[in-house]
Amino acid sequence: MDYDIIVENVVKSYVKRVPGTGIRRIFPKKEKVRAVDDVSFRVKRGEFFAYVGANGSGKTTTIKMLTGILIPESGSVRCLGFVPHKQRIKYVKNIGVVFGQKSLLWWDLPVIESLKLYKDIYEVSDADFKERLAYYDKILAIGKLLDKQVRKLSFGERMRCEVAASLLHKPKILFLDEPTVGMDVVAKEEMRNFLREINEKEGTTIMLTTHDMGDIEALCKRIILLDNGRVIYDGLLSDLKKKYVHSKNITIIYSGFKDKKFADEGLKKVGVIKHKDGYIRMSVDLTKHDIKKVISDIIKAVEVVDISVEEPELSEIVSKIYKAGKVQ
């Protein structure tokens, strides 16, 4: 089986200064903190997966090791057969990287000038360059942005151009950090469709880090959860939901009460997320309540205009996992 990314028992620490008083203010104590703690995972060729963690969980440090910016303290990293930090010049010609906080584009130049520079760096032919720009314009609508200075673009516009720049040379692996930040609903959906197409048609392996759980649900089958530098889950998103979803959300829009006392008593028994005039959203613990009976009681208690039953959003599931500190 072909693996594009192999990470084995990787550890990376950093030194943190601990502030003190008196003499300690001049000579602060230094503390070693593990940003990545014995992390292992493998990624098959052409896989589109999510690498998720709260701020400070170690995901950015991991990406920097995968791209050759940082050297592992121990353990090993191999990507496309390269050791990233040792063979970086050859390796980076095969990858694309988009960091939301660090631009690939030159701030004071028009976008097209940055793209032309990357064309020369990656030795992209004139014909391929023209073809790629036309393709990006069709999907991402970057044509009207090419003559604008990067600093005059909105964050969402810049991200579209960043992604285009990162894919200009048809990399085998694409590392994406928050690719849809700052985009409206339409632009976000277009970006998702574009990334899905790149993955499926060109076989590009894509590693996605994001706080937007909608991106993950739309694009990834596999998710790796990181907490305090350690992997706490690595598997299918669908399996995570099966393992962790023990509740369902019910949303009710109603026009009035049939039995207010009965309604009030019933709401006390379940977890109400939000309740205002004409609207109730509740979370029903399936280990304690029969969902059919809850719905039946609702219909008896209020004049229902609309009712919907949904699984918790991925963001709720992940939040519960982090609060618990592990996948149960």
C-alpha atoms as a PDB file:
ATOM      1  CA  MET A   1       0.000   0.000   0.000  1.00  0.00           C
ATOM      2  CA  ASP A   2       1.314   3.447  -0.937  1.00  0.00           C
ATOM      3  CA  TYR A   3       1.560   6.015   1.851  1.00  0.00           C
ATOM      4  CA  ASP A   4       2.303   9.664   1.093  1.00  0.00           C
ATOM      5  CA  ILE A   5       2.811  10.546   4.766  1.00  0.00           C
ATOM      6  CA  ILE A   6       4.362   8.344   7.467  1.00  0.00           C
ATOM      7  CA  VAL A   7       4.730   9.774  10.977  1.00  0.00           C
ATOM      8  CA  GLU A   8       6.161   7.466  13.640  1.00  0.00           C
ATOM      9  CA  ASN A   9       6.493   8.239  17.360  1.00  0.00           C
ATOM     10  CA  VAL A  10       7.273  11.898  16.742  1.00  0.00           C
ATOM     11  CA  VAL A  11       8.142  14.157  19.662  1.00  0.00           C
ATOM     12  CA  LYS A  12       8.808  17.903  19.519  1.00  0.00           C
ATOM     13  CA  SER A  13       9.320  20.177  22.517  1.00  0.00           C
ATOM     14  CA  TYR A  14       9.890  23.860  23.051  1.00  0.00           C
ATOM     15  CA  VAL A  15      11.349  25.820  25.933  1.00  0.00           C
ATOM     16  CA  LYS A  16       8.972  28.064  27.826  1.00  0.00           C
ATOM     17  CA  ARG A  17      10.114  30.810  30.178  1.00  0.00           C
ATOM     18  CA  VAL A  18       8.306  30.778  33.505  1.00  0.00           C
ATOM     19  CA  PRO A  19       7.940  34.323  34.903  1.00  0.00           C
ATOM     20  CA  GLY A  20       8.921  34.860  38.515  1.00  0.00           C
ATOM     21  CA  THR A  21       9.540  37.542  41.105  1.00  0.00           C
ATOM     22  CA  GLY A  22      12.734  39.023  42.490  1.00  0.00           C
ATOM     23  CA  ILE A  23      15.866  37.484  41.029  1.00  0.00           C
ATOM     24  CA  ARG A  24      13.686  35.154  38.951  1.00  0.00           C
ATOM     25  CA  ARG A  25      12.564  38.159  36.910  1.00  0.00           C
ATOM     26  CA  ILE A  26      16.144  38.615  35.714  1.00  0.00           C
ATOM     27  CA  PHE A  27      16.934  34.909  35.375  1.00  0.00           C
ATOM     28  CA  PRO A  28      13.575  33.261  34.668  1.00  0.00           C
ATOM     29  CA  LYS A  29      13.186  29.543  35.085  1.00  0.00           C
ATOM     30  CA  LYS A  30      12.954  27.579  31.845  1.00  0.00           C
ATOM     31  CA  GLU A  31      10.485  24.772  31.380  1.00  0.00           C
ATOM     32  CA  LYS A  32      10.432  22.188  28.598  1.00  0.00           C
ATOM     33  CA  VAL A  33       6.972  21.653  27.125  1.00  0.00           C
ATOM     34  CA  ARG A  34       6.036  18.918  24.659  1.00  0.00           C
ATOM     35  CA  ALA A  35       4.102  20.396  21.757  1.00  0.00           C
ATOM     36  CA  VAL A  36       3.897  17.022  19.991  1.00  0.00           C
ATOM     37  CA  ASP A  37       4.011  13.926  22.178  1.00  0.00           C
ATOM     38  CA  ASP A  38       4.622  10.510  20.570  1.00  0.00           C
ATOM     39  CA  VAL A  39       2.395  11.113  17.536  1.00  0.00           C
ATOM     40  CA  SER A  40       2.044   8.412  14.872  1.00  0.00           C
ATOM     41  CA  PHE A  41      -0.171   8.179  11.792  1.00  0.00           C
ATOM     42  CA  ARG A  42      -0.047   7.164   8.128  1.00  0.00           C
ATOM     43  CA  VAL A  43      -1.816   8.747   5.176  1.00  0.00           C
ATOM     44  CA  LYS A  44      -2.615   6.863   1.980  1.00  0.00           C
ATOM     45  CA  ARG A  45      -2.008   8.407  -1.422  1.00  0.00           C
ATOM     46  CA  GLY A  46      -4.962  10.556  -2.485  1.00  0.00           C
ATOM     47  CA  GLU A  47      -6.513  10.734   0.978  1.00  0.00           C
ATOM     48  CA  PHE A  48      -8.348  13.884   2.144  1.00  0.00           C
ATOM     49  CA  PHE A  49      -8.233  14.006   5.939  1.00  0.00           C
ATOM     50  CA  ALA A  50      -8.700  16.453   8.794  1.00  0.00           C
ATOM     51  CA  TYR A  51      -6.112  17.105  11.500  1.00  0.00           C
ATOM     52  CA  VAL A  52      -7.946  18.860  14.287  1.00  0.00           C
ATOM     53  CA  GLY A  53      -7.092  20.313  17.668  1.00  0.00           C
ATOM     54  CA  ALA A  54      -7.676  23.292  19.895  1.00  0.00           C
ATOM     55  CA  ASN A  55      -5.161  26.149  19.858  1.00  0.00           C
ATOM     56  CA  GLY A  56      -1.943  24.901  21.441  1.00  0.00           C
ATOM     57  CA  SER A  57      -2.732  21.231  20.784  1.00  0.00           C
ATOM     58  CA  GLY A  58       0.318  20.732  18.544  1.00  0.00           C
ATOM     59  CA  LYS A  59      -1.255  20.686  15.084  1.00  0.00           C
ATOM     60  CA  THR A  60       0.741  23.651  13.722  1.00  0.00           C
ATOM     61  CA  THR A  61       3.973  22.143  15.066  1.00  0.00           C
ATOM     62  CA  THR A  62       3.091  18.880  13.309  1.00  0.00           C
ATOM     63  CA  ILE A  63       2.510  20.644   9.995  1.00  0.00           C
ATOM     64  CA  LYS A  64       5.815  22.491  10.312  1.00  0.00           C
ATOM     65  CA  MET A  65       7.593  19.141  10.725  1.00  0.00           C
ATOM     66  CA  LEU A  66       5.698  17.658   7.772  1.00  0.00           C
ATOM     67  CA  THR A  67       6.737  20.597   5.588  1.00  0.00           C
ATOM     68  CA  GLY A  68      10.371  20.523   6.735  1.00  0.00           C
ATOM     69  CA  ILE A  69      10.354  23.800   8.674  1.00  0.00           C
ATOM     70  CA  LEU A  70      10.974  22.073  12.015  1.00  0.00           C
ATOM     71  CA  ILE A  71      13.072  19.015  12.874  1.00  0.00           C
ATOM     72  CA  PRO A  72      11.547  16.275  15.064  1.00  0.00           C
ATOM     73  CA  GLU A  73      13.204  15.860  18.447  1.00  0.00           C
ATOM     74  CA  SER A  74      12.710  12.101  18.141  1.00  0.00           C
ATOM     75  CA  GLY A  75      10.750   9.734  15.949  1.00  0.00           C
ATOM     76  CA  SER A  76      10.576   9.986  12.173  1.00  0.00           C
ATOM     77  CA  VAL A  77       8.684  11.774   9.402  1.00  0.00           C
ATOM     78  CA  ARG A  78       8.636  10.683   5.764  1.00  0.00           C
ATOM     79  CA  CYS A  79       6.548  12.352   3.070  1.00  0.00           C
ATOM     80  CA  LEU A  80       6.587  11.119  -0.542  1.00  0.00           C
ATOM     81  CA  GLY A  81       9.695   9.143   0.378  1.00  0.00           C
ATOM     82  CA  PHE A  82      11.539  12.287   1.533  1.00  0.00           C
ATOM     83  CA  VAL A  83      12.729  13.226   4.998  1.00  0.00           C
ATOM     84  CA  PRO A  84      11.320  16.782   4.839  1.00  0.00           C
ATOM     85  CA  HIS A  85      13.950  18.681   6.843  1.00  0.00           C
ATOM     86  CA  LYS A  86      16.877  16.844   5.200  1.00  0.00           C
ATOM     87  CA  GLN A  87      15.728  16.959   1.567  1.00  0.00           C
ATOM     88  CA  ARG A  88      13.713  20.162   1.711  1.00  0.00           C
ATOM     89  CA  ILE A  89      14.780  21.685  -1.626  1.00  0.00           C
ATOM     90  CA  LYS A  90      13.639  18.633  -3.608  1.00  0.00           C
ATOM     91  CA  TYR A  91      10.698  17.935  -1.320  1.00  0.00           C
ATOM     92  CA  VAL A  92       8.996  21.350  -1.450  1.00  0.00           C
ATOM     93  CA  LYS A  93       8.658  21.108  -5.236  1.00  0.00           C
ATOM     94  CA  ASN A  94       6.149  18.320  -4.602  1.00  0.00           C
ATOM     95  CA  ILE A  95       3.963  20.009  -1.986  1.00  0.00           C
ATOM     96  CA  GLY A  96       1.661  22.998  -1.654  1.00  0.00           C
ATOM     97  CA  VAL A  97       1.133  24.871   1.600  1.00  0.00           C
ATOM     98  CA  VAL A  98      -1.483  27.428   2.633  1.00  0.00           C
ATOM     99  CA  PHE A  99      -1.159  29.015   6.074  1.00  0.00           C
ATOM    100  CA  GLY A 100      -3.958  31.485   6.762  1.00  0.00           C
ATOM    101  CA  GLN A 101      -1.705  33.741   8.827  1.00  0.00           C
ATOM    102  CA  LYS A 102       1.315  33.636   6.492  1.00  0.00           C
ATOM    103  CA  SER A 103       0.844  34.757   2.914  1.00  0.00           C
ATOM    104  CA  LEU A 104       2.432  33.131  -0.123  1.00  0.00           C
ATOM    105  CA  LEU A 105       1.794  36.342  -2.045  1.00  0.00           C
ATOM    106  CA  TRP A 106       3.810  39.562  -2.051  1.00  0.00           C
ATOM    107  CA  TRP A 107       1.808  42.189  -0.199  1.00  0.00           C
ATOM    108  CA  ASP A 108       2.466  45.218  -2.412  1.00  0.00           C
ATOM    109  CA  LEU A 109       2.413  43.458  -5.780  1.00  0.00           C
ATOM    110  CA  PRO A 110      -0.569  42.548  -7.954  1.00  0.00           C
ATOM    111  CA  VAL A 111      -1.592  38.916  -7.510  1.00  0.00           C
ATOM    112  CA  ILE A 112      -0.556  38.013 -11.060  1.00  0.00           C
ATOM    113  CA  GLU A 113       3.068  39.037 -10.371  1.00  0.00           C
ATOM    114  CA  SER A 114       3.287  36.623  -7.428  1.00  0.00           C
ATOM    115  CA  LEU A 115       1.800  33.851  -9.547  1.00  0.00           C
ATOM    116  CA  LYS A 116       4.292  34.542 -12.350  1.00  0.00           C
ATOM    117  CA  LEU A 117       7.127  34.296  -9.847  1.00  0.00           C
ATOM    118  CA  TYR A 118       5.886  30.890  -8.647  1.00  0.00           C
ATOM    119  CA  LYS A 119       5.532  29.862 -12.287  1.00  0.00           C
ATOM    120  CA  ASP A 120       9.266  30.478 -12.750  1.00  0.00           C
ATOM    121  CA  ILE A 121      10.266  28.903  -9.418  1.00  0.00           C
ATOM    122  CA  TYR A 122       8.366  25.694 -10.174  1.00  0.00           C
ATOM    123  CA  GLU A 123       9.249  25.761 -13.882  1.00  0.00           C
ATOM    124  CA  VAL A 124       5.631  25.718 -15.044  1.00  0.00           C
ATOM    125  CA  SER A 125       5.329  26.091 -18.830  1.00  0.00           C
ATOM    126  CA  ASP A 126       3.507  29.066 -20.370  1.00  0.00           C
ATOM    127  CA  ALA A 127       0.775  26.772 -21.712  1.00  0.00           C
ATOM    128  CA  ASP A 128       0.223  25.055 -18.342  1.00  0.00           C
ATOM    129  CA  PHE A 129       0.255  28.397 -16.537  1.00  0.00           C
ATOM    130  CA  LYS A 130      -2.416  29.805 -18.842  1.00  0.00           C
ATOM    131  CA  GLU A 131      -4.505  26.645 -18.515  1.00  0.00           C
ATOM    132  CA  ARG A 132      -4.256  26.626 -14.706  1.00  0.00           C
ATOM    133  CA  LEU A 133      -5.248  30.297 -14.409  1.00  0.00           C
ATOM    134  CA  ALA A 134      -8.304  29.723 -16.600  1.00  0.00           C
ATOM    135  CA  TYR A 135      -9.280  26.730 -14.453  1.00  0.00           C
ATOM    136  CA  TYR A 136      -8.867  28.659 -11.182  1.00  0.00           C
ATOM    137  CA  ASP A 137     -10.862  31.570 -12.556  1.00  0.00           C
ATOM    138  CA  LYS A 138     -13.699  29.254 -13.564  1.00  0.00           C
ATOM    139  CA  ILE A 139     -13.971  27.679 -10.088  1.00  0.00           C
ATOM    140  CA  LEU A 140     -12.622  30.366  -7.733  1.00  0.00           C
ATOM    141  CA  ALA A 141     -13.348  33.539  -9.736  1.00  0.00           C
ATOM    142  CA  ILE A 142      -9.819  34.909  -9.316  1.00  0.00           C
ATOM    143  CA  GLY A 143      -9.599  36.539 -12.777  1.00  0.00           C
ATOM    144  CA  LYS A 144     -10.913  39.878 -11.527  1.00  0.00           C
ATOM    145  CA  LEU A 145      -8.415  39.777  -8.637  1.00  0.00           C
ATOM    146  CA  LEU A 146      -5.220  39.188 -10.620  1.00  0.00           C
ATOM    147  CA  ASP A 147      -4.399  42.872 -11.201  1.00  0.00           C
ATOM    148  CA  LYS A 148      -5.179  43.939  -7.631  1.00  0.00           C
ATOM    149  CA  GLN A 149      -2.502  44.472  -5.000  1.00  0.00           C
ATOM    150  CA  VAL A 150      -2.636  41.694  -2.423  1.00  0.00           C
ATOM    151  CA  ARG A 151      -3.005  44.170   0.450  1.00  0.00           C
ATOM    152  CA  LYS A 152      -6.242  45.470  -1.119  1.00  0.00           C
ATOM    153  CA  LEU A 153      -7.913  42.047  -1.142  1.00  0.00           C
ATOM    154  CA  SER A 154     -10.375  40.907   1.497  1.00  0.00           C
ATOM    155  CA  PHE A 155      -9.241  37.929   3.573  1.00  0.00           C
ATOM    156  CA  GLY A 156     -11.543  35.600   1.650  1.00  0.00           C
ATOM    157  CA  GLU A 157     -10.290  36.900  -1.717  1.00  0.00           C
ATOM    158  CA  ARG A 158      -6.692  36.471  -0.603  1.00  0.00           C
ATOM    159  CA  MET A 159      -7.322  32.880   0.493  1.00  0.00           C
ATOM    160  CA  ARG A 160      -8.709  32.029  -2.951  1.00  0.00           C
ATOM    161  CA  CYS A 161      -5.532  33.408  -4.536  1.00  0.00           C
ATOM    162  CA  GLU A 162      -3.340  31.657  -1.945  1.00  0.00           C
ATOM    163  CA  VAL A 163      -4.892  28.294  -2.815  1.00  0.00           C
ATOM    164  CA  ALA A 164      -4.368  28.991  -6.521  1.00  0.00           C
ATOM    165  CA  ALA A 165      -0.690  29.807  -5.890  1.00  0.00           C
ATOM    166  CA  SER A 166      -0.179  26.661  -3.816  1.00  0.00           C
ATOM    167  CA  LEU A 167      -1.589  24.434  -6.588  1.00  0.00           C
ATOM    168  CA  LEU A 168       0.088  26.084  -9.569  1.00  0.00           C
ATOM    169  CA  HIS A 169       2.707  23.308  -9.886  1.00  0.00           C
ATOM    170  CA  LYS A 170       0.226  20.437  -9.281  1.00  0.00           C
ATOM    171  CA  PRO A 171       1.675  19.295  -5.930  1.00  0.00           C
ATOM    172  CA  LYS A 172       1.232  15.717  -4.739  1.00  0.00           C
ATOM    173  CA  ILE A 173       0.415  16.835  -1.181  1.00  0.00           C
ATOM    174  CA  LEU A 174      -1.486  19.974  -0.173  1.00  0.00           C
ATOM    175  CA  PHE A 175      -1.364  21.261   3.416  1.00  0.00           C
ATOM    176  CA  LEU A 176      -4.299  23.568   4.137  1.00  0.00           C
ATOM    177  CA  ASP A 177      -4.808  25.738   7.205  1.00  0.00           C
ATOM    178  CA  GLU A 178      -8.271  27.381   7.467  1.00  0.00           C
ATOM    179  CA  PRO A 179      -8.874  27.621   3.683  1.00  0.00           C
ATOM    180  CA  THR A 180     -12.427  29.032   3.932  1.00  0.00           C
ATOM    181  CA  VAL A 181     -11.880  31.676   6.620  1.00  0.00           C
ATOM    182  CA  GLY A 182     -13.461  35.007   5.706  1.00  0.00           C
ATOM    183  CA  MET A 183     -15.608  33.592   2.911  1.00  0.00           C
ATOM    184  CA  ASP A 184     -19.347  34.001   2.522  1.00  0.00           C
ATOM    185  CA  VAL A 185     -21.590  30.939   2.170  1.00  0.00           C
ATOM    186  CA  VAL A 186     -21.410  30.844  -1.640  1.00  0.00           C
ATOM    187  CA  ALA A 187     -17.622  31.321  -1.831  1.00  0.00           C
ATOM    188  CA  LYS A 188     -17.128  28.720   0.894  1.00  0.00           C
ATOM    189  CA  GLU A 189     -19.156  26.134  -1.025  1.00  0.00           C
ATOM    190  CA  GLU A 190     -17.249  26.922  -4.234  1.00  0.00           C
ATOM    191  CA  MET A 191     -13.928  26.434  -2.420  1.00  0.00           C
ATOM    192  CA  ARG A 192     -15.105  23.103  -1.004  1.00  0.00           C
ATOM    193  CA  ASN A 193     -16.191  21.921  -4.459  1.00  0.00           C
ATOM    194  CA  PHE A 194     -12.840  23.004  -5.892  1.00  0.00           C
ATOM    195  CA  LEU A 195     -10.811  21.149  -3.245  1.00  0.00           C
ATOM    196  CA  ARG A 196     -12.958  18.047  -3.653  1.00  0.00           C
ATOM    197  CA  GLU A 197     -12.365  18.147  -7.418  1.00  0.00           C
ATOM    198  CA  ILE A 198      -8.597  18.587  -7.026  1.00  0.00           C
ATOM    199  CA  ASN A 199      -8.520  15.613  -4.660  1.00  0.00           C
ATOM    200  CA  GLU A 200     -10.671  13.344  -6.836  1.00  0.00           C
ATOM    201  CA  LYS A 201      -9.448  14.257 -10.333  1.00  0.00           C
ATOM    202  CA  GLU A 202      -5.758  14.871  -9.657  1.00  0.00           C
ATOM    203  CA  GLY A 203      -5.330  12.444  -6.740  1.00  0.00           C
ATOM    204  CA  THR A 204      -3.838  15.155  -4.527  1.00  0.00           C
ATOM    205  CA  THR A 205      -3.368  14.116  -0.909  1.00  0.00           C
ATOM    206  CA  ILE A 206      -4.854  16.874   1.258  1.00  0.00           C
ATOM    207  CA  MET A 207      -4.305  17.553   4.954  1.00  0.00           C
ATOM    208  CA  LEU A 208      -6.866  19.998   6.335  1.00  0.00           C
ATOM    209  CA  THR A 209      -6.583  21.850   9.624  1.00  0.00           C
ATOM    210  CA  THR A 210      -9.543  24.035  10.479  1.00  0.00           C
ATOM    211  CA  HIS A 211     -11.930  25.128  13.202  1.00  0.00           C
ATOM    212  CA  ASP A 212     -14.772  25.048  10.668  1.00  0.00           C
ATOM    213  CA  MET A 213     -16.425  21.694  11.299  1.00  0.00           C
ATOM    214  CA  GLY A 214     -18.621  22.279   8.241  1.00  0.00           C
ATOM    215  CA  ASP A 215     -15.508  22.011   6.051  1.00  0.00           C
ATOM    216  CA  ILE A 216     -14.570  18.719   7.691  1.00  0.00           C
ATOM    217  CA  GLU A 217     -18.029  17.186   7.328  1.00  0.00           C
ATOM    218  CA  ALA A 218     -18.220  18.289   3.689  1.00  0.00           C
ATOM    219  CA  LEU A 219     -14.750  17.123   2.666  1.00  0.00           C
ATOM    220  CA  CYS A 220     -13.201  14.501   4.947  1.00  0.00           C
ATOM    221  CA  LYS A 221     -13.969  10.867   5.748  1.00  0.00           C
ATOM    222  CA  ARG A 222     -11.085  10.553   8.202  1.00  0.00           C
ATOM    223  CA  ILE A 223     -10.360  12.768  11.187  1.00  0.00           C
ATOM    224  CA  ILE A 224      -7.378  12.852  13.551  1.00  0.00           C
ATOM    225  CA  LEU A 225      -8.043  14.604  16.868  1.00  0.00           C
ATOM    226  CA  LEU A 226      -5.123  16.062  18.771  1.00  0.00           C
ATOM    227  CA  ASP A 227      -5.166  17.160  22.405  1.00  0.00           C
ATOM    228  CA  ASN A 228      -2.158  18.394  24.396  1.00  0.00           C
ATOM    229  CA  GLY A 229       0.172  17.076  21.726  1.00  0.00           C
ATOM    230  CA  ARG A 230      -1.259  13.543  21.663  1.00  0.00           C
ATOM    231  CA  VAL A 231      -3.581  11.802  19.210  1.00  0.00           C
ATOM    232  CA  ILE A 232      -6.821  10.956  21.008  1.00  0.00           C
ATOM    233  CA  TYR A 233      -8.693   9.707  17.938  1.00  0.00           C
ATOM    234  CA  ASP A 234      -7.701   8.586  14.454  1.00  0.00           C
ATOM    235  CA  GLY A 235     -10.399   7.044  12.311  1.00  0.00           C
ATOM    236  CA  LEU A 236     -13.491   7.541  10.226  1.00  0.00           C
ATOM    237  CA  LEU A 237     -15.662  10.545  10.982  1.00  0.00           C
ATOM    238  CA  SER A 238     -18.724   8.297  10.712  1.00  0.00           C
ATOM    239  CA  ASP A 239     -17.318   5.928  13.375  1.00  0.00           C
ATOM    240  CA  LEU A 240     -16.605   8.859  15.687  1.00  0.00           C
ATOM    241  CA  LYS A 241     -20.226   9.933  15.426  1.00  0.00           C
ATOM    242  CA  LYS A 242     -21.492   6.399  16.095  1.00  0.00           C
ATOM    243  CA  LYS A 243     -19.238   6.095  19.118  1.00  0.00           C
ATOM    244  CA  TYR A 244     -19.954   9.493  20.606  1.00  0.00           C
ATOM    245  CA  VAL A 245     -23.458  10.512  19.577  1.00  0.00           C
ATOM    246  CA  HIS A 246     -25.767   9.509  22.431  1.00  0.00           C
ATOM    247  CA  SER A 247     -28.192  12.368  21.948  1.00  0.00           C
ATOM    248  CA  LYS A 248     -30.335  14.074  19.341  1.00  0.00           C
ATOM    249  CA  ASN A 249     -31.386  17.679  18.994  1.00  0.00           C
ATOM    250  CA  ILE A 250     -35.057  18.541  18.574  1.00  0.00           C
ATOM    251  CA  THR A 251     -36.107  21.947  17.262  1.00  0.00           C
ATOM    252  CA  ILE A 252     -39.750  22.976  17.684  1.00  0.00           C
ATOM    253  CA  ILE A 253     -41.527  26.033  16.324  1.00  0.00           C
ATOM    254  CA  TYR A 254     -44.918  26.451  17.968  1.00  0.00           C
ATOM    255  CA  SER A 255     -47.823  28.920  17.935  1.00  0.00           C
ATOM    256  CA  GLY A 256     -49.115  28.380  21.472  1.00  0.00           C
ATOM    257  CA  PHE A 257     -49.578  25.957  24.361  1.00  0.00           C
ATOM    258  CA  LYS A 258     -52.115  23.159  24.679  1.00  0.00           C
ATOM    259  CA  ASP A 259     -50.973  22.416  28.233  1.00  0.00           C
ATOM    260  CA  LYS A 260     -48.366  24.866  29.595  1.00  0.00           C
ATOM    261  CA  LYS A 261     -47.896  23.040  32.907  1.00  0.00           C
ATOM    262  CA  PHE A 262     -47.289  19.752  31.087  1.00  0.00           C
ATOM    263  CA  ALA A 263     -44.872  21.519  28.727  1.00  0.00           C
ATOM    264  CA  ASP A 264     -42.909  23.131  31.581  1.00  0.00           C
ATOM    265  CA  GLU A 265     -42.637  19.828  33.444  1.00  0.00           C
ATOM    266  CA  GLY A 266     -41.525  18.028  30.284  1.00  0.00           C
ATOM    267  CA  LEU A 267     -38.844  20.595  29.464  1.00  0.00           C
ATOM    268  CA  LYS A 268     -37.302  20.168  32.922  1.00  0.00           C
ATOM    269  CA  LYS A 269     -36.662  16.504  32.166  1.00  0.00           C
ATOM    270  CA  VAL A 270     -34.630  17.090  28.999  1.00  0.00           C
ATOM    271  CA  GLY A 271     -31.721  19.397  28.188  1.00  0.00           C
ATOM    272  CA  VAL A 272     -33.047  22.659  26.807  1.00  0.00           C
ATOM    273  CA  ILE A 273     -30.459  24.467  24.686  1.00  0.00           C
ATOM    274  CA  LYS A 274     -32.617  27.487  23.881  1.00  0.00           C
ATOM    275  CA  HIS A 275     -36.195  28.506  24.656  1.00  0.00           C
ATOM    276  CA  LYS A 276     -37.945  31.704  23.667  1.00  0.00           C
ATOM    277  CA  ASP A 277     -41.498  32.514  22.597  1.00  0.00           C
ATOM    278  CA  GLY A 278     -42.478  30.187  19.781  1.00  0.00           C
ATOM    279  CA  TYR A 279     -39.123  28.377  19.653  1.00  0.00           C
ATOM    280  CA  ILE A 280     -37.575  25.495  21.595  1.00  0.00           C
ATOM    281  CA  ARG A 281     -34.290  23.708  20.896  1.00  0.00           C
ATOM    282  CA  MET A 282     -33.455  20.766  23.136  1.00  0.00           C
ATOM    283  CA  SER A 283     -30.877  18.008  23.428  1.00  0.00           C
ATOM    284  CA  VAL A 284     -32.346  14.606  24.282  1.00  0.00           C
ATOM    285  CA  ASP A 285     -30.096  12.026  25.977  1.00  0.00           C
ATOM    286  CA  LEU A 286     -30.992   8.772  24.214  1.00  0.00           C
ATOM    287  CA  THR A 287     -29.680   6.695  27.126  1.00  0.00           C
ATOM    288  CA  LYS A 288     -32.319   8.267  29.405  1.00  0.00           C
ATOM    289  CA  HIS A 289     -35.233   9.121  27.137  1.00  0.00           C
ATOM    290  CA  ASP A 290     -37.229   7.510  24.336  1.00  0.00           C
ATOM    291  CA  ILE A 291     -37.102  10.002  21.462  1.00  0.00           C
ATOM    292  CA  LYS A 292     -40.551   8.915  20.205  1.00  0.00           C
ATOM    293  CA  LYS A 293     -42.131   9.571  23.619  1.00  0.00           C
ATOM    294  CA  VAL A 294     -40.451  12.980  23.873  1.00  0.00           C
ATOM    295  CA  ILE A 295     -41.873  13.989  20.484  1.00  0.00           C
ATOM    296  CA  SER A 296     -45.303  12.617  21.445  1.00  0.00           C
ATOM    297  CA  ASP A 297     -45.257  14.669  24.663  1.00  0.00           C
ATOM    298  CA  ILE A 298     -44.262  17.795  22.729  1.00  0.00           C
ATOM    299  CA  ILE A 299     -47.220  17.380  20.369  1.00  0.00           C
ATOM    300  CA  LYS A 300     -49.547  17.008  23.389  1.00  0.00           C
ATOM    301  CA  ALA A 301     -48.144  20.116  25.088  1.00  0.00           C
ATOM    302  CA  VAL A 302     -47.829  22.719  22.303  1.00  0.00           C
ATOM    303  CA  GLU A 303     -49.394  23.745  18.996  1.00  0.00           C
ATOM    304  CA  VAL A 304     -46.596  22.540  16.705  1.00  0.00           C
ATOM    305  CA  VAL A 305     -45.919  24.545  13.539  1.00  0.00           C
ATOM    306  CA  ASP A 306     -42.714  22.716  12.623  1.00  0.00           C
ATOM    307  CA  ILE A 307     -40.509  20.094  14.247  1.00  0.00           C
ATOM    308  CA  SER A 308     -37.120  18.659  13.237  1.00  0.00           C
ATOM    309  CA  VAL A 309     -34.828  16.029  14.741  1.00  0.00           C
ATOM    310  CA  GLU A 310     -31.071  16.149  14.093  1.00  0.00           C
ATOM    311  CA  GLU A 311     -27.849  14.640  15.319  1.00  0.00           C
ATOM    312  CA  PRO A 312     -25.585  17.072  17.212  1.00  0.00           C
ATOM    313  CA  GLU A 313     -23.270  19.098  14.991  1.00  0.00           C
ATOM    314  CA  LEU A 314     -19.683  17.900  14.718  1.00  0.00           C
ATOM    315  CA  SER A 315     -18.524  20.949  16.691  1.00  0.00           C
ATOM    316  CA  GLU A 316     -20.657  19.800  19.653  1.00  0.00           C
ATOM    317  CA  ILE A 317     -19.249  16.264  19.463  1.00  0.00           C
ATOM    318  CA  VAL A 318     -15.637  17.451  19.308  1.00  0.00           C
ATOM    319  CA  SER A 319     -16.238  19.892  22.167  1.00  0.00           C
ATOM    320  CA  LYS A 320     -17.530  17.036  24.355  1.00  0.00           C
ATOM    321  CA  ILE A 321     -14.497  14.911  23.501  1.00  0.00           C
ATOM    322  CA  TYR A 322     -12.077  17.668  24.485  1.00  0.00           C
ATOM    323  CA  LYS A 323     -13.925  18.272  27.736  1.00  0.00           C
ATOM    324  CA  ALA A 324     -13.704  14.558  28.520  1.00  0.00           C
ATOM    325  CA  GLY A 325     -10.041  14.485  27.483  1.00  0.00           C
ATOM    326  CA  LYS A 326     -10.463  11.330  25.391  1.00  0.00           C
ATOM    327  CA  VAL A 327     -12.786   9.406  23.123  1.00  0.00           C
ATOM    328  CA  GLN A 328     -14.858   7.155  25.330  1.00  0.00           C
END
